Amino acid sequence: MIYWITVNYYSTELIQRLIDSIVEARDGAFLPSIHDAIIIINNSLDDQSIYKLQSSNILILDSPKNIGFGRACNIGLNWVYQHDPQALVWLINPDVILPKNSLVKATDFFEKNPHISLLGTVVYTANGELEFAGGEFIRKTGKIAELKSLSQELQTESYVLTDWVSGCSLLINLKKFNHSPQFDEDYFLYYEDFDFCRRYTQQGHLIALTHQIQVIHQSSSITGQYPALKIQQSIYSYLLTLEQYTEKKVLFYRLFRITFASLFSLIRDPEVSLSKLKGIWLYFQRLVKLK
């Protein structure tokens, strides 16, 4: 059983398109060996248009308010784990389209590789450019990077192990977990997928990426509508991530660089600079609350 989990934030039209692509990924019909359900976590309670999508295999779960990506996914993960702890969960962005045969490839992959806990897919843009081909983390410098080219190993092997994979398209093998996997609720947006992968890697789970399954992502079609908030949350989440996965000297160095660069460009680009400074301020507010 495949359960799709996607988060709605004023994105009904995008989710409708996603659902259409899921149907087409089955070649227009339910395949005998594959059954699936789509779970939409509604992060925008006044968006009544989303309820028109509800059907026998499309469930809408309301969050109390806009609680961010990770916490919303937790609502869906808890629901699935309670009802079917042996299921395959596919976290997917509303602004993603699936190519045909994606469902067959996903089920085939886990039949052949049941030891994999978390699986990322290669992500392409709508223009056919490679957007995500693996995640890299260099602890000594605090570098967190998205790889933009296919390695020879990724092209020839069924999968490669990787530091982290994108939450844009993330498959979770619930059979490998003795409890519902959870995102860290300290993250509102950005880097929650990185933290998710690193935390479960530390617990012994295997994180992999496959080129056999690909998706098309219309990048930033949602968050691009709120550029200031995007920058603010990205800075906050990055600093939070450095705090948890690097040494203090790396965190302080990166914090100094971001602060200095933001202040230096304040006159030239005030909107971006202020957004970065607000992200830093959010991080310091969190530190004060922890004391």
Protein backbone atom coordinates (compact mmCIF):
# COMPACT_ATOMS: atom_id res chain seq x y z
CA MET A 1 0.00 0.00 0.00
CA ILE A 2 1.32 3.44 -0.95
CA TYR A 3 0.18 6.47 1.00
CA TRP A 4 0.92 9.85 -0.54
CA ILE A 5 1.30 12.77 1.88
CA THR A 6 1.28 16.33 0.62
CA VAL A 7 0.84 19.65 2.43
CA ASN A 8 -1.64 22.24 1.22
CA TYR A 9 -0.99 25.94 1.64
CA TYR A 10 -3.29 27.68 -0.84
CA SER A 11 -2.23 25.22 -3.54
CA THR A 12 -5.41 23.39 -4.55
CA GLU A 13 -4.73 23.72 -8.27
CA LEU A 14 -1.22 22.34 -7.86
CA ILE A 15 -2.48 19.40 -5.81
CA GLN A 16 -5.13 18.67 -8.42
CA ARG A 17 -2.39 18.51 -11.02
CA LEU A 18 -0.34 16.26 -8.73
CA ILE A 19 -3.32 13.94 -8.28
CA ASP A 20 -3.83 13.83 -12.04
CA SER A 21 -0.20 12.83 -12.49
CA ILE A 22 -0.58 10.07 -9.87
CA VAL A 23 -3.53 8.70 -11.83
CA GLU A 24 -1.50 8.88 -15.05
CA ALA A 25 1.43 7.20 -13.26
CA ARG A 26 -0.87 4.18 -12.97
CA ASP A 27 -1.42 4.45 -16.74
CA GLY A 28 -4.92 5.74 -16.02
CA ALA A 29 -6.14 2.78 -13.98
CA PHE A 30 -5.65 1.08 -10.63
CA LEU A 31 -2.99 -1.59 -11.11
CA PRO A 32 -3.94 -4.97 -9.61
CA SER A 33 -0.95 -5.13 -7.23
CA ILE A 34 -0.87 -1.46 -6.24
CA HIS A 35 -3.36 0.37 -4.06
CA ASP A 36 -2.83 3.87 -2.84
CA ALA A 37 -4.37 6.70 -0.87
CA ILE A 38 -3.64 10.40 -0.93
CA ILE A 39 -3.50 12.32 2.33
CA ILE A 40 -3.62 16.12 2.16
CA ILE A 41 -2.63 18.03 5.28
CA ASN A 42 -4.44 21.36 5.11
CA ASN A 43 -2.23 24.17 6.44
CA SER A 44 -4.59 26.90 5.22
CA LEU A 45 -7.92 26.43 7.01
CA ASP A 46 -9.70 29.23 5.14
CA ASP A 47 -8.88 27.58 1.81
CA GLN A 48 -12.24 25.89 1.24
CA SER A 49 -11.39 24.94 -2.34
CA ILE A 50 -9.22 22.04 -1.15
CA TYR A 51 -12.26 20.10 0.06
CA LYS A 52 -13.53 19.63 -3.48
CA LEU A 53 -10.67 17.14 -3.95
CA GLN A 54 -11.87 14.84 -1.16
CA SER A 55 -12.97 11.40 -2.31
CA SER A 56 -12.93 7.74 -1.29
CA ASN A 57 -9.14 7.53 -1.58
CA ILE A 58 -8.28 11.19 -0.89
CA LEU A 59 -8.31 12.17 2.78
CA ILE A 60 -7.96 15.75 4.04
CA LEU A 61 -6.63 16.30 7.57
CA ASP A 62 -6.77 19.83 8.95
CA SER A 63 -3.92 21.25 10.97
CA PRO A 64 -4.86 23.77 13.71
CA LYS A 65 -3.12 26.55 11.74
CA ASN A 66 -0.17 26.94 9.38
CA ILE A 67 2.30 24.79 11.30
CA GLY A 68 4.95 24.45 8.62
CA PHE A 69 6.02 21.54 6.46
CA GLY A 70 7.55 19.11 8.95
CA ARG A 71 4.87 19.34 11.62
CA ALA A 72 2.18 18.96 8.97
CA CYS A 73 3.89 15.85 7.60
CA ASN A 74 3.95 14.45 11.15
CA ILE A 75 0.14 14.59 11.22
CA GLY A 76 0.01 12.47 8.08
CA LEU A 77 2.77 10.09 9.19
CA ASN A 78 1.05 9.47 12.52
CA TRP A 79 -2.25 8.75 10.77
CA VAL A 80 -0.66 6.29 8.34
CA TYR A 81 1.40 4.53 11.00
CA GLN A 82 -1.68 4.09 13.16
CA HIS A 83 -3.66 2.54 10.30
CA ASP A 84 -0.94 0.67 8.38
CA PRO A 85 2.54 0.46 9.99
CA GLN A 86 3.79 -1.76 7.14
CA ALA A 87 2.99 0.77 4.41
CA LEU A 88 5.12 2.72 2.00
CA VAL A 89 4.75 6.49 2.41
CA TRP A 90 5.63 8.93 -0.34
CA LEU A 91 6.03 12.53 0.86
CA ILE A 92 5.57 14.78 -2.13
CA ASN A 93 5.37 18.51 -2.77
CA PRO A 94 2.15 19.90 -4.28
CA ASP A 95 4.18 21.38 -7.14
CA VAL A 96 5.52 18.03 -8.33
CA ILE A 97 4.45 15.91 -11.30
CA LEU A 98 5.08 12.18 -11.58
CA PRO A 99 6.09 10.49 -14.84
CA LYS A 100 4.29 7.32 -15.88
CA ASN A 101 5.11 4.00 -14.20
CA SER A 102 6.40 5.75 -11.07
CA LEU A 103 4.26 3.59 -8.78
CA VAL A 104 5.47 0.33 -10.30
CA LYS A 105 9.09 1.48 -10.04
CA ALA A 106 8.63 2.46 -6.39
CA THR A 107 7.09 -0.85 -5.34
CA ASP A 108 9.63 -2.82 -7.37
CA PHE A 109 12.46 -0.92 -5.73
CA PHE A 110 11.41 -1.78 -2.19
CA GLU A 111 10.67 -5.38 -3.08
CA LYS A 112 14.30 -5.67 -4.20
CA ASN A 113 15.73 -3.40 -1.47
CA PRO A 114 13.64 -3.87 1.69
CA HIS A 115 16.62 -2.81 3.85
CA ILE A 116 16.37 0.85 2.75
CA SER A 117 14.51 3.08 5.22
CA LEU A 118 14.40 6.42 3.39
CA LEU A 119 14.62 6.83 -0.37
CA GLY A 120 15.00 10.02 -2.35
CA THR A 121 14.28 10.39 -6.05
CA VAL A 122 16.12 12.36 -8.67
CA VAL A 123 14.34 15.67 -9.25
CA TYR A 124 14.17 17.56 -12.54
CA THR A 125 12.81 21.02 -13.24
CA ALA A 126 9.95 21.64 -15.67
CA ASN A 127 12.63 22.65 -18.22
CA GLY A 128 14.35 19.29 -17.91
CA GLU A 129 17.29 20.57 -15.88
CA LEU A 130 18.63 18.46 -13.03
CA GLU A 131 17.57 19.98 -9.70
CA PHE A 132 18.50 17.33 -7.14
CA ALA A 133 20.80 14.30 -7.47
CA GLY A 134 21.78 13.76 -3.86
CA GLY A 135 22.59 15.68 -0.72
CA GLU A 136 26.08 16.40 0.58
CA PHE A 137 27.07 17.43 4.10
CA ILE A 138 30.56 18.52 5.17
CA ARG A 139 30.53 18.72 8.95
CA LYS A 140 33.88 20.52 9.28
CA THR A 141 32.69 23.52 7.27
CA GLY A 142 28.91 23.36 7.75
CA LYS A 143 28.35 23.02 4.01
CA ILE A 144 24.98 21.53 3.08
CA ALA A 145 24.69 21.15 -0.67
CA GLU A 146 22.32 19.78 -3.28
CA LEU A 147 24.20 17.85 -5.97
CA LYS A 148 23.26 18.98 -9.49
CA SER A 149 24.84 16.22 -11.58
CA LEU A 150 24.43 12.47 -11.87
CA SER A 151 27.41 10.50 -10.65
CA GLN A 152 28.51 7.46 -12.64
CA GLU A 153 27.55 5.25 -9.70
CA LEU A 154 24.05 6.74 -9.54
CA GLN A 155 23.54 6.11 -13.26
CA THR A 156 24.67 2.49 -13.15
CA GLU A 157 23.57 1.23 -9.71
CA SER A 158 19.99 0.77 -8.47
CA TYR A 159 20.74 3.21 -5.65
CA VAL A 160 23.54 5.06 -3.86
CA LEU A 161 23.77 5.93 -0.18
CA THR A 162 23.72 9.66 0.43
CA ASP A 163 23.98 12.12 3.33
CA TRP A 164 20.42 13.35 2.88
CA VAL A 165 17.60 13.51 0.37
CA SER A 166 15.06 16.17 -0.51
CA GLY A 167 11.63 16.25 1.15
CA CYS A 168 10.30 17.34 -2.23
CA SER A 169 10.00 13.63 -3.09
CA LEU A 170 10.82 11.27 -0.23
CA LEU A 171 9.74 7.65 0.21
CA ILE A 172 9.58 6.18 3.71
CA ASN A 173 9.58 2.43 4.31
CA LEU A 174 7.55 2.19 7.51
CA LYS A 175 8.49 -1.47 7.93
CA LYS A 176 11.92 -0.30 9.09
CA PHE A 177 10.52 1.79 11.96
CA ASN A 178 9.18 0.61 15.32
CA HIS A 179 7.36 3.92 15.73
CA SER A 180 6.05 6.65 13.46
CA PRO A 181 9.04 8.59 12.05
CA GLN A 182 8.83 12.29 12.88
CA PHE A 183 10.21 15.59 11.67
CA ASP A 184 11.73 17.91 14.28
CA GLU A 185 9.01 20.42 15.12
CA ASP A 186 11.56 23.17 15.79
CA TYR A 187 11.76 23.55 12.00
CA PHE A 188 9.01 25.51 10.30
CA LEU A 189 10.37 25.40 6.77
CA TYR A 190 13.69 24.39 5.12
CA TYR A 191 16.37 21.93 6.27
CA GLU A 192 13.80 19.76 8.03
CA ASP A 193 14.46 17.05 5.43
CA PHE A 194 18.20 17.27 6.11
CA ASP A 195 17.63 16.94 9.86
CA PHE A 196 15.18 14.08 9.29
CA CYS A 197 17.74 12.11 7.28
CA ARG A 198 20.73 12.82 9.52
CA ARG A 199 18.81 11.95 12.70
CA TYR A 200 17.67 8.58 11.36
CA THR A 201 21.10 7.88 9.89
CA GLN A 202 22.48 8.25 13.41
CA GLN A 203 19.94 5.63 14.52
CA GLY A 204 21.25 3.13 11.95
CA HIS A 205 18.78 3.64 9.09
CA LEU A 206 19.99 3.61 5.48
CA ILE A 207 19.31 6.74 3.41
CA ALA A 208 19.50 6.20 -0.34
CA LEU A 209 18.88 7.93 -3.65
CA THR A 210 17.76 6.24 -6.85
CA HIS A 211 17.79 7.35 -10.46
CA GLN A 212 15.19 4.72 -11.31
CA ILE A 213 12.45 6.99 -9.95
CA GLN A 214 12.29 10.60 -11.14
CA VAL A 215 9.90 13.50 -10.57
CA ILE A 216 9.40 16.92 -12.11
CA HIS A 217 9.36 19.89 -9.76
CA GLN A 218 8.10 23.37 -10.56
CA SER A 219 10.52 24.86 -8.06
CA SER A 220 9.41 27.65 -5.69
CA SER A 221 5.95 27.99 -7.20
CA ILE A 222 4.58 28.17 -3.63
CA THR A 223 7.32 29.64 -1.44
CA GLY A 224 8.36 31.95 -4.27
CA GLN A 225 5.23 33.97 -3.52
CA TYR A 226 6.72 34.94 -0.14
CA PRO A 227 10.41 35.72 -0.79
CA ALA A 228 11.05 37.58 2.48
CA LEU A 229 9.58 34.78 4.59
CA LYS A 230 11.52 32.23 2.54
CA ILE A 231 14.84 33.93 3.30
CA GLN A 232 13.98 34.43 6.98
CA GLN A 233 13.03 30.81 7.56
CA SER A 234 15.96 29.51 5.52
CA ILE A 235 18.48 31.43 7.67
CA TYR A 236 16.82 30.37 10.92
CA SER A 237 16.67 26.71 9.92
CA TYR A 238 20.25 26.71 8.64
CA LEU A 239 21.57 28.05 11.95
CA LEU A 240 19.45 25.54 13.86
CA THR A 241 20.91 22.76 11.73
CA LEU A 242 24.49 23.91 12.29
CA GLU A 243 23.83 23.99 16.03
CA GLN A 244 22.83 20.33 15.97
CA TYR A 245 25.28 18.84 13.46
CA THR A 246 28.51 20.87 13.57
CA GLU A 247 30.97 22.15 16.14
CA LYS A 248 30.29 25.48 17.86
CA LYS A 249 33.18 27.18 16.08
CA VAL A 250 31.58 26.36 12.72
CA LEU A 251 28.22 27.73 13.89
CA PHE A 252 29.80 30.95 15.18
CA TYR A 253 31.82 31.40 11.98
CA ARG A 254 28.78 30.97 9.73
CA LEU A 255 26.67 33.17 12.00
CA PHE A 256 29.29 35.93 11.86
CA ARG A 257 29.55 35.73 8.08
CA ILE A 258 25.79 35.88 7.54
CA THR A 259 25.39 38.77 9.99
CA PHE A 260 28.29 40.77 8.56
CA ALA A 261 27.15 40.24 4.96
CA SER A 262 23.58 41.24 5.85
CA LEU A 263 24.66 44.45 7.57
CA PHE A 264 27.11 45.30 4.77
CA SER A 265 24.38 45.01 2.10
CA LEU A 266 21.65 46.68 4.16
CA ILE A 267 21.64 49.89 2.12
CA ARG A 268 22.09 48.21 -1.25
CA ASP A 269 19.49 45.47 -0.75
CA PRO A 270 17.46 46.27 2.38
CA GLU A 271 14.64 43.75 1.84
CA VAL A 272 16.92 40.73 1.56
CA SER A 273 19.26 41.94 4.31
CA LEU A 274 16.43 42.58 6.76
CA SER A 275 14.95 39.16 6.03
CA LYS A 276 18.28 37.53 6.86
CA LEU A 277 18.62 39.55 10.04
CA LYS A 278 15.09 38.54 11.07
CA GLY A 279 16.10 34.92 10.58
CA ILE A 280 19.11 35.46 12.86
CA TRP A 281 16.87 37.16 15.41
CA LEU A 282 14.46 34.19 15.35
CA TYR A 283 17.37 31.89 16.08
CA PHE A 284 18.53 33.99 19.05
CA GLN A 285 14.97 34.09 20.38
CA ARG A 286 15.00 30.30 20.37
CA LEU A 287 18.28 30.24 22.32
CA VAL A 288 16.84 32.58 24.94
CA LYS A 289 13.77 30.35 25.38
CA LEU A 290 16.00 27.32 25.94
CA LYS A 291 17.89 28.99 28.81
